[in-house]
Amino acid sequence: MSLKDQFEAAVADSKNLPERPDNMTLLKIYALFKQASSGDVEGSRPGFTDMVGRAKYDAWAGLKGTSSEEAMQQYIDLIESLK
């Protein structure tokens, strides 16, 4: 099974976790997904009134320079640990 196949399976699994992860874990899941699928963060940081948008942006920006493959592997490992 290729890394991409494993990643897609983990994305599907992420929607059926036994319990909802805490917000920090959800941010990590989001950031790893975006890094794996879109590469480094783009665009400007949302304004201070958009707290959720800022948190998501900052989490994704924290992975800058991480390869798509590395982000996929970290995503897979994280989802596996939550199952």
PDB file of N, CA and C in Angstrom:
ATOM      1  N   MET A   1       0.859  -1.184   0.000  1.00  0.00           N
ATOM      2  CA  MET A   1       0.000   0.000   0.000  1.00  0.00           C
ATOM      3  C   MET A   1       0.902   1.243   0.000  1.00  0.00           C
ATOM      4  N   SER A   2       0.656   2.140  -0.916  1.00  0.00           N
ATOM      5  CA  SER A   2       1.493   3.336  -1.023  1.00  0.00           C
ATOM      6  C   SER A   2       1.225   4.302   0.128  1.00  0.00           C
ATOM      7  N   LEU A   3       2.141   5.229   0.334  1.00  0.00           N
ATOM      8  CA  LEU A   3       1.982   6.238   1.372  1.00  0.00           C
ATOM      9  C   LEU A   3       0.713   7.041   1.135  1.00  0.00           C
ATOM     10  N   LYS A   4       0.455   7.387  -0.135  1.00  0.00           N
ATOM     11  CA  LYS A   4      -0.744   8.159  -0.467  1.00  0.00           C
ATOM     12  C   LYS A   4      -2.009   7.376  -0.110  1.00  0.00           C
ATOM     13  N   ASP A   5      -2.020   6.071  -0.395  1.00  0.00           N
ATOM     14  CA  ASP A   5      -3.169   5.224  -0.036  1.00  0.00           C
ATOM     15  C   ASP A   5      -3.355   5.170   1.480  1.00  0.00           C
ATOM     16  N   GLN A   6      -2.249   5.028   2.204  1.00  0.00           N
ATOM     17  CA  GLN A   6      -2.324   4.999   3.665  1.00  0.00           C
ATOM     18  C   GLN A   6      -2.849   6.329   4.205  1.00  0.00           C
ATOM     19  N   PHE A   7      -2.386   7.427   3.592  1.00  0.00           N
ATOM     20  CA  PHE A   7      -2.823   8.764   3.993  1.00  0.00           C
ATOM     21  C   PHE A   7      -4.325   8.921   3.774  1.00  0.00           C
ATOM     22  N   GLU A   8      -4.801   8.500   2.599  1.00  0.00           N
ATOM     23  CA  GLU A   8      -6.233   8.615   2.296  1.00  0.00           C
ATOM     24  C   GLU A   8      -7.065   7.756   3.246  1.00  0.00           C
ATOM     25  N   ALA A   9      -6.551   6.590   3.619  1.00  0.00           N
ATOM     26  CA  ALA A   9      -7.249   5.735   4.585  1.00  0.00           C
ATOM     27  C   ALA A   9      -7.295   6.423   5.955  1.00  0.00           C
ATOM     28  N   ALA A  10      -6.190   7.069   6.332  1.00  0.00           N
ATOM     29  CA  ALA A  10      -6.141   7.770   7.616  1.00  0.00           C
ATOM     30  C   ALA A  10      -7.101   8.958   7.625  1.00  0.00           C
ATOM     31  N   VAL A  11      -7.225   9.653   6.484  1.00  0.00           N
ATOM     32  CA  VAL A  11      -8.176  10.763   6.385  1.00  0.00           C
ATOM     33  C   VAL A  11      -9.592  10.240   6.621  1.00  0.00           C
ATOM     34  N   ALA A  12      -9.919   9.108   6.008  1.00  0.00           N
ATOM     35  CA  ALA A  12     -11.242   8.501   6.213  1.00  0.00           C
ATOM     36  C   ALA A  12     -11.414   8.092   7.681  1.00  0.00           C
ATOM     37  N   ASP A  13     -10.368   7.496   8.262  1.00  0.00           N
ATOM     38  CA  ASP A  13     -10.421   7.071   9.666  1.00  0.00           C
ATOM     39  C   ASP A  13     -10.603   8.263  10.604  1.00  0.00           C
ATOM     40  N   SER A  14     -10.044   9.414  10.225  1.00  0.00           N
ATOM     41  CA  SER A  14     -10.109  10.592  11.094  1.00  0.00           C
ATOM     42  C   SER A  14     -11.537  11.056  11.319  1.00  0.00           C
ATOM     43  N   LYS A  15     -12.425  10.701  10.409  1.00  0.00           N
ATOM     44  CA  LYS A  15     -13.828  11.099  10.527  1.00  0.00           C
ATOM     45  C   LYS A  15     -14.612  10.139  11.426  1.00  0.00           C
ATOM     46  N   ASN A  16     -13.992   9.018  11.808  1.00  0.00           N
ATOM     47  CA  ASN A  16     -14.675   8.002  12.612  1.00  0.00           C
ATOM     48  C   ASN A  16     -13.907   7.637  13.873  1.00  0.00           C
ATOM     49  N   LEU A  17     -13.251   8.613  14.472  1.00  0.00           N
ATOM     50  CA  LEU A  17     -12.504   8.330  15.693  1.00  0.00           C
ATOM     51  C   LEU A  17     -13.468   8.042  16.846  1.00  0.00           C
ATOM     52  N   PRO A  18     -13.048   7.194  17.808  1.00  0.00           N
ATOM     53  CA  PRO A  18     -13.948   6.839  18.915  1.00  0.00           C
ATOM     54  C   PRO A  18     -14.368   8.046  19.749  1.00  0.00           C
ATOM     55  N   GLU A  19     -13.471   9.014  19.913  1.00  0.00           N
ATOM     56  CA  GLU A  19     -13.863  10.244  20.610  1.00  0.00           C
ATOM     57  C   GLU A  19     -13.205  11.436  19.944  1.00  0.00           C
ATOM     58  N   ARG A  20     -13.827  12.598  20.138  1.00  0.00           N
ATOM     59  CA  ARG A  20     -13.322  13.821  19.509  1.00  0.00           C
ATOM     60  C   ARG A  20     -12.019  14.232  20.181  1.00  0.00           C
ATOM     61  N   PRO A  21     -10.952  14.431  19.384  1.00  0.00           N
ATOM     62  CA  PRO A  21      -9.683  14.870  19.976  1.00  0.00           C
ATOM     63  C   PRO A  21      -9.804  16.279  20.562  1.00  0.00           C
ATOM     64  N   ASP A  22      -8.874  16.621  21.458  1.00  0.00           N
ATOM     65  CA  ASP A  22      -8.868  17.971  22.012  1.00  0.00           C
ATOM     66  C   ASP A  22      -8.458  18.970  20.916  1.00  0.00           C
ATOM     67  N   ASN A  23      -8.644  20.239  21.209  1.00  0.00           N
ATOM     68  CA  ASN A  23      -8.415  21.271  20.194  1.00  0.00           C
ATOM     69  C   ASN A  23      -6.984  21.306  19.677  1.00  0.00           C
ATOM     70  N   MET A  24      -6.004  21.098  20.546  1.00  0.00           N
ATOM     71  CA  MET A  24      -4.602  21.107  20.093  1.00  0.00           C
ATOM     72  C   MET A  24      -4.350  19.959  19.120  1.00  0.00           C
ATOM     73  N   THR A  25      -4.926  18.802  19.403  1.00  0.00           N
ATOM     74  CA  THR A  25      -4.766  17.654  18.508  1.00  0.00           C
ATOM     75  C   THR A  25      -5.489  17.907  17.192  1.00  0.00           C
ATOM     76  N   LEU A  26      -6.677  18.503  17.269  1.00  0.00           N
ATOM     77  CA  LEU A  26      -7.406  18.836  16.038  1.00  0.00           C
ATOM     78  C   LEU A  26      -6.603  19.801  15.170  1.00  0.00           C
ATOM     79  N   LEU A  27      -5.943  20.773  15.796  1.00  0.00           N
ATOM     80  CA  LEU A  27      -5.102  21.710  15.042  1.00  0.00           C
ATOM     81  C   LEU A  27      -3.951  20.980  14.360  1.00  0.00           C
ATOM     82  N   LYS A  28      -3.350  20.031  15.080  1.00  0.00           N
ATOM     83  CA  LYS A  28      -2.238  19.256  14.511  1.00  0.00           C
ATOM     84  C   LYS A  28      -2.723  18.422  13.328  1.00  0.00           C
ATOM     85  N   ILE A  29      -3.893  17.802  13.460  1.00  0.00           N
ATOM     86  CA  ILE A  29      -4.479  17.020  12.365  1.00  0.00           C
ATOM     87  C   ILE A  29      -4.700  17.928  11.155  1.00  0.00           C
ATOM     88  N   TYR A  30      -5.302  19.089  11.389  1.00  0.00           N
ATOM     89  CA  TYR A  30      -5.557  20.055  10.309  1.00  0.00           C
ATOM     90  C   TYR A  30      -4.252  20.468   9.628  1.00  0.00           C
ATOM     91  N   ALA A  31      -3.270  20.851  10.438  1.00  0.00           N
ATOM     92  CA  ALA A  31      -2.011  21.357   9.892  1.00  0.00           C
ATOM     93  C   ALA A  31      -1.284  20.288   9.085  1.00  0.00           C
ATOM     94  N   LEU A  32      -1.236  19.069   9.602  1.00  0.00           N
ATOM     95  CA  LEU A  32      -0.571  17.984   8.872  1.00  0.00           C
ATOM     96  C   LEU A  32      -1.300  17.678   7.569  1.00  0.00           C
ATOM     97  N   PHE A  33      -2.638  17.702   7.608  1.00  0.00           N
ATOM     98  CA  PHE A  33      -3.411  17.464   6.384  1.00  0.00           C
ATOM     99  C   PHE A  33      -3.097  18.527   5.335  1.00  0.00           C
ATOM    100  N   LYS A  34      -3.122  19.803   5.756  1.00  0.00           N
ATOM    101  CA  LYS A  34      -2.861  20.895   4.814  1.00  0.00           C
ATOM    102  C   LYS A  34      -1.441  20.822   4.271  1.00  0.00           C
ATOM    103  N   GLN A  35      -0.464  20.529   5.126  1.00  0.00           N
ATOM    104  CA  GLN A  35       0.929  20.445   4.688  1.00  0.00           C
ATOM    105  C   GLN A  35       1.096  19.287   3.707  1.00  0.00           C
ATOM    106  N   ALA A  36       0.463  18.164   4.000  1.00  0.00           N
ATOM    107  CA  ALA A  36       0.571  16.983   3.136  1.00  0.00           C
ATOM    108  C   ALA A  36      -0.099  17.220   1.785  1.00  0.00           C
ATOM    109  N   SER A  37      -1.243  17.910   1.793  1.00  0.00           N
ATOM    110  CA  SER A  37      -2.004  18.057   0.553  1.00  0.00           C
ATOM    111  C   SER A  37      -1.701  19.339  -0.218  1.00  0.00           C
ATOM    112  N   SER A  38      -1.252  20.397   0.473  1.00  0.00           N
ATOM    113  CA  SER A  38      -1.060  21.690  -0.192  1.00  0.00           C
ATOM    114  C   SER A  38       0.350  22.258  -0.080  1.00  0.00           C
ATOM    115  N   GLY A  39       1.203  21.652   0.731  1.00  0.00           N
ATOM    116  CA  GLY A  39       2.549  22.197   0.913  1.00  0.00           C
ATOM    117  C   GLY A  39       2.548  23.320   1.933  1.00  0.00           C
ATOM    118  N   ASP A  40       3.572  24.162   1.847  1.00  0.00           N
ATOM    119  CA  ASP A  40       3.731  25.249   2.822  1.00  0.00           C
ATOM    120  C   ASP A  40       2.548  26.207   2.797  1.00  0.00           C
ATOM    121  N   VAL A  41       2.297  26.802   3.960  1.00  0.00           N
ATOM    122  CA  VAL A  41       1.199  27.748   4.134  1.00  0.00           C
ATOM    123  C   VAL A  41       1.321  28.904   3.134  1.00  0.00           C
ATOM    124  N   GLU A  42       0.175  29.381   2.666  1.00  0.00           N
ATOM    125  CA  GLU A  42       0.128  30.498   1.732  1.00  0.00           C
ATOM    126  C   GLU A  42      -0.857  31.532   2.247  1.00  0.00           C
ATOM    127  N   GLY A  43      -0.765  32.728   1.705  1.00  0.00           N
ATOM    128  CA  GLY A  43      -1.702  33.772   2.084  1.00  0.00           C
ATOM    129  C   GLY A  43      -1.262  34.469   3.359  1.00  0.00           C
ATOM    130  N   SER A  44      -2.045  35.443   3.766  1.00  0.00           N
ATOM    131  CA  SER A  44      -1.699  36.204   4.959  1.00  0.00           C
ATOM    132  C   SER A  44      -2.446  35.657   6.169  1.00  0.00           C
ATOM    133  N   ARG A  45      -1.886  35.935   7.331  1.00  0.00           N
ATOM    134  CA  ARG A  45      -2.467  35.471   8.588  1.00  0.00           C
ATOM    135  C   ARG A  45      -3.784  36.196   8.826  1.00  0.00           C
ATOM    136  N   PRO A  46      -4.853  35.457   9.202  1.00  0.00           N
ATOM    137  CA  PRO A  46      -6.140  36.104   9.481  1.00  0.00           C
ATOM    138  C   PRO A  46      -6.033  37.151  10.598  1.00  0.00           C
ATOM    139  N   GLY A  47      -6.928  38.102  10.587  1.00  0.00           N
ATOM    140  CA  GLY A  47      -6.935  39.168  11.594  1.00  0.00           C
ATOM    141  C   GLY A  47      -7.286  38.656  12.985  1.00  0.00           C
ATOM    142  N   PHE A  48      -7.076  39.516  13.977  1.00  0.00           N
ATOM    143  CA  PHE A  48      -7.257  39.095  15.374  1.00  0.00           C
ATOM    144  C   PHE A  48      -8.695  38.737  15.722  1.00  0.00           C
ATOM    145  N   THR A  49      -9.658  39.138  14.915  1.00  0.00           N
ATOM    146  CA  THR A  49     -11.051  38.784  15.203  1.00  0.00           C
ATOM    147  C   THR A  49     -11.366  37.342  14.804  1.00  0.00           C
ATOM    148  N   ASP A  50     -10.518  36.744  13.987  1.00  0.00           N
ATOM    149  CA  ASP A  50     -10.721  35.359  13.535  1.00  0.00           C
ATOM    150  C   ASP A  50      -9.771  34.434  14.301  1.00  0.00           C
ATOM    151  N   MET A  51     -10.136  34.137  15.550  1.00  0.00           N
ATOM    152  CA  MET A  51      -9.253  33.343  16.408  1.00  0.00           C
ATOM    153  C   MET A  51      -9.020  31.925  15.866  1.00  0.00           C
ATOM    154  N   VAL A  52     -10.057  31.293  15.381  1.00  0.00           N
ATOM    155  CA  VAL A  52      -9.922  29.929  14.854  1.00  0.00           C
ATOM    156  C   VAL A  52      -9.042  29.938  13.612  1.00  0.00           C
ATOM    157  N   GLY A  53      -9.307  30.891  12.715  1.00  0.00           N
ATOM    158  CA  GLY A  53      -8.500  31.006  11.502  1.00  0.00           C
ATOM    159  C   GLY A  53      -7.036  31.242  11.813  1.00  0.00           C
ATOM    160  N   ARG A  54      -6.778  32.084  12.803  1.00  0.00           N
ATOM    161  CA  ARG A  54      -5.388  32.368  13.209  1.00  0.00           C
ATOM    162  C   ARG A  54      -4.713  31.123  13.761  1.00  0.00           C
ATOM    163  N   ALA A  55      -5.422  30.400  14.604  1.00  0.00           N
ATOM    164  CA  ALA A  55      -4.859  29.191  15.209  1.00  0.00           C
ATOM    165  C   ALA A  55      -4.540  28.158  14.124  1.00  0.00           C
ATOM    166  N   LYS A  56      -5.447  28.004  13.164  1.00  0.00           N
ATOM    167  CA  LYS A  56      -5.216  27.065  12.059  1.00  0.00           C
ATOM    168  C   LYS A  56      -4.016  27.504  11.227  1.00  0.00           C
ATOM    169  N   TYR A  57      -3.963  28.790  10.906  1.00  0.00           N
ATOM    170  CA  TYR A  57      -2.866  29.334  10.113  1.00  0.00           C
ATOM    171  C   TYR A  57      -1.529  29.104  10.828  1.00  0.00           C
ATOM    172  N   ASP A  58      -1.495  29.424  12.121  1.00  0.00           N
ATOM    173  CA  ASP A  58      -0.254  29.290  12.891  1.00  0.00           C
ATOM    174  C   ASP A  58       0.191  27.831  12.990  1.00  0.00           C
ATOM    175  N   ALA A  59      -0.758  26.922  13.176  1.00  0.00           N
ATOM    176  CA  ALA A  59      -0.425  25.499  13.260  1.00  0.00           C
ATOM    177  C   ALA A  59       0.177  25.028  11.936  1.00  0.00           C
ATOM    178  N   TRP A  60      -0.428  25.443  10.829  1.00  0.00           N
ATOM    179  CA  TRP A  60       0.067  25.060   9.506  1.00  0.00           C
ATOM    180  C   TRP A  60       1.422  25.704   9.245  1.00  0.00           C
ATOM    181  N   ALA A  61       1.569  26.976   9.592  1.00  0.00           N
ATOM    182  CA  ALA A  61       2.830  27.688   9.384  1.00  0.00           C
ATOM    183  C   ALA A  61       3.966  27.033  10.167  1.00  0.00           C
ATOM    184  N   GLY A  62       3.634  26.414  11.301  1.00  0.00           N
ATOM    185  CA  GLY A  62       4.636  25.738  12.111  1.00  0.00           C
ATOM    186  C   GLY A  62       5.261  24.536  11.425  1.00  0.00           C
ATOM    187  N   LEU A  63       4.642  24.059  10.371  1.00  0.00           N
ATOM    188  CA  LEU A  63       5.158  22.896   9.631  1.00  0.00           C
ATOM    189  C   LEU A  63       5.915  23.307   8.366  1.00  0.00           C
ATOM    190  N   LYS A  64       6.118  24.587   8.174  1.00  0.00           N
ATOM    191  CA  LYS A  64       6.786  25.086   6.963  1.00  0.00           C
ATOM    192  C   LYS A  64       8.091  24.334   6.727  1.00  0.00           C
ATOM    193  N   GLY A  65       8.289  23.886   5.498  1.00  0.00           N
ATOM    194  CA  GLY A  65       9.501  23.166   5.150  1.00  0.00           C
ATOM    195  C   GLY A  65       9.392  21.662   5.303  1.00  0.00           C
ATOM    196  N   THR A  66       8.315  21.185   5.944  1.00  0.00           N
ATOM    197  CA  THR A  66       8.098  19.745   6.081  1.00  0.00           C
ATOM    198  C   THR A  66       7.646  19.207   4.732  1.00  0.00           C
ATOM    199  N   SER A  67       8.261  18.109   4.285  1.00  0.00           N
ATOM    200  CA  SER A  67       7.873  17.546   2.986  1.00  0.00           C
ATOM    201  C   SER A  67       6.465  16.966   3.054  1.00  0.00           C
ATOM    202  N   SER A  68       5.840  16.881   1.901  1.00  0.00           N
ATOM    203  CA  SER A  68       4.502  16.303   1.806  1.00  0.00           C
ATOM    204  C   SER A  68       4.501  14.871   2.356  1.00  0.00           C
ATOM    205  N   GLU A  69       5.540  14.099   1.999  1.00  0.00           N
ATOM    206  CA  GLU A  69       5.616  12.704   2.441  1.00  0.00           C
ATOM    207  C   GLU A  69       5.756  12.610   3.961  1.00  0.00           C
ATOM    208  N   GLU A  70       6.606  13.471   4.534  1.00  0.00           N
ATOM    209  CA  GLU A  70       6.801  13.471   5.983  1.00  0.00           C
ATOM    210  C   GLU A  70       5.501  13.857   6.694  1.00  0.00           C
ATOM    211  N   ALA A  71       4.798  14.872   6.157  1.00  0.00           N
ATOM    212  CA  ALA A  71       3.527  15.294   6.754  1.00  0.00           C
ATOM    213  C   ALA A  71       2.494  14.168   6.665  1.00  0.00           C
ATOM    214  N   MET A  72       2.465  13.457   5.528  1.00  0.00           N
ATOM    215  CA  MET A  72       1.539  12.326   5.389  1.00  0.00           C
ATOM    216  C   MET A  72       1.838  11.270   6.445  1.00  0.00           C
ATOM    217  N   GLN A  73       3.127  10.941   6.633  1.00  0.00           N
ATOM    218  CA  GLN A  73       3.495   9.908   7.600  1.00  0.00           C
ATOM    219  C   GLN A  73       3.127  10.335   9.014  1.00  0.00           C
ATOM    220  N   GLN A  74       3.388  11.594   9.366  1.00  0.00           N
ATOM    221  CA  GLN A  74       3.032  12.085  10.699  1.00  0.00           C
ATOM    222  C   GLN A  74       1.515  12.051  10.896  1.00  0.00           C
ATOM    223  N   TYR A  75       0.764  12.406   9.854  1.00  0.00           N
ATOM    224  CA  TYR A  75      -0.700  12.383   9.908  1.00  0.00           C
ATOM    225  C   TYR A  75      -1.177  10.949  10.163  1.00  0.00           C
ATOM    226  N   ILE A  76      -0.648  10.001   9.391  1.00  0.00           N
ATOM    227  CA  ILE A  76      -1.032   8.594   9.534  1.00  0.00           C
ATOM    228  C   ILE A  76      -0.742   8.122  10.955  1.00  0.00           C
ATOM    229  N   ASP A  77       0.461   8.442  11.463  1.00  0.00           N
ATOM    230  CA  ASP A  77       0.861   8.007  12.808  1.00  0.00           C
ATOM    231  C   ASP A  77      -0.065   8.617  13.866  1.00  0.00           C
ATOM    232  N   LEU A  78      -0.389   9.897  13.703  1.00  0.00           N
ATOM    233  CA  LEU A  78      -1.255  10.574  14.666  1.00  0.00           C
ATOM    234  C   LEU A  78      -2.658   9.957  14.690  1.00  0.00           C
ATOM    235  N   ILE A  79      -3.243   9.731  13.518  1.00  0.00           N
ATOM    236  CA  ILE A  79      -4.582   9.132  13.460  1.00  0.00           C
ATOM    237  C   ILE A  79      -4.556   7.722  14.054  1.00  0.00           C
ATOM    238  N   GLU A  80      -3.511   6.953  13.739  1.00  0.00           N
ATOM    239  CA  GLU A  80      -3.387   5.600  14.310  1.00  0.00           C
ATOM    240  C   GLU A  80      -3.371   5.665  15.829  1.00  0.00           C
ATOM    241  N   SER A  81      -2.678   6.647  16.393  1.00  0.00           N
ATOM    242  CA  SER A  81      -2.568   6.753  17.847  1.00  0.00           C
ATOM    243  C   SER A  81      -3.898   7.130  18.501  1.00  0.00           C
ATOM    244  N   LEU A  82      -4.813   7.705  17.719  1.00  0.00           N
ATOM    245  CA  LEU A  82      -6.112   8.142  18.252  1.00  0.00           C
ATOM    246  C   LEU A  82      -7.205   7.077  18.115  1.00  0.00           C
ATOM    247  N   LYS A  83      -6.928   6.040  17.342  1.00  0.00           N
ATOM    248  CA  LYS A  83      -7.940   5.006  17.103  1.00  0.00           C
ATOM    249  C   LYS A  83      -8.130   4.093  18.305  1.00  0.00           C
TER     250      LYS A  83
END
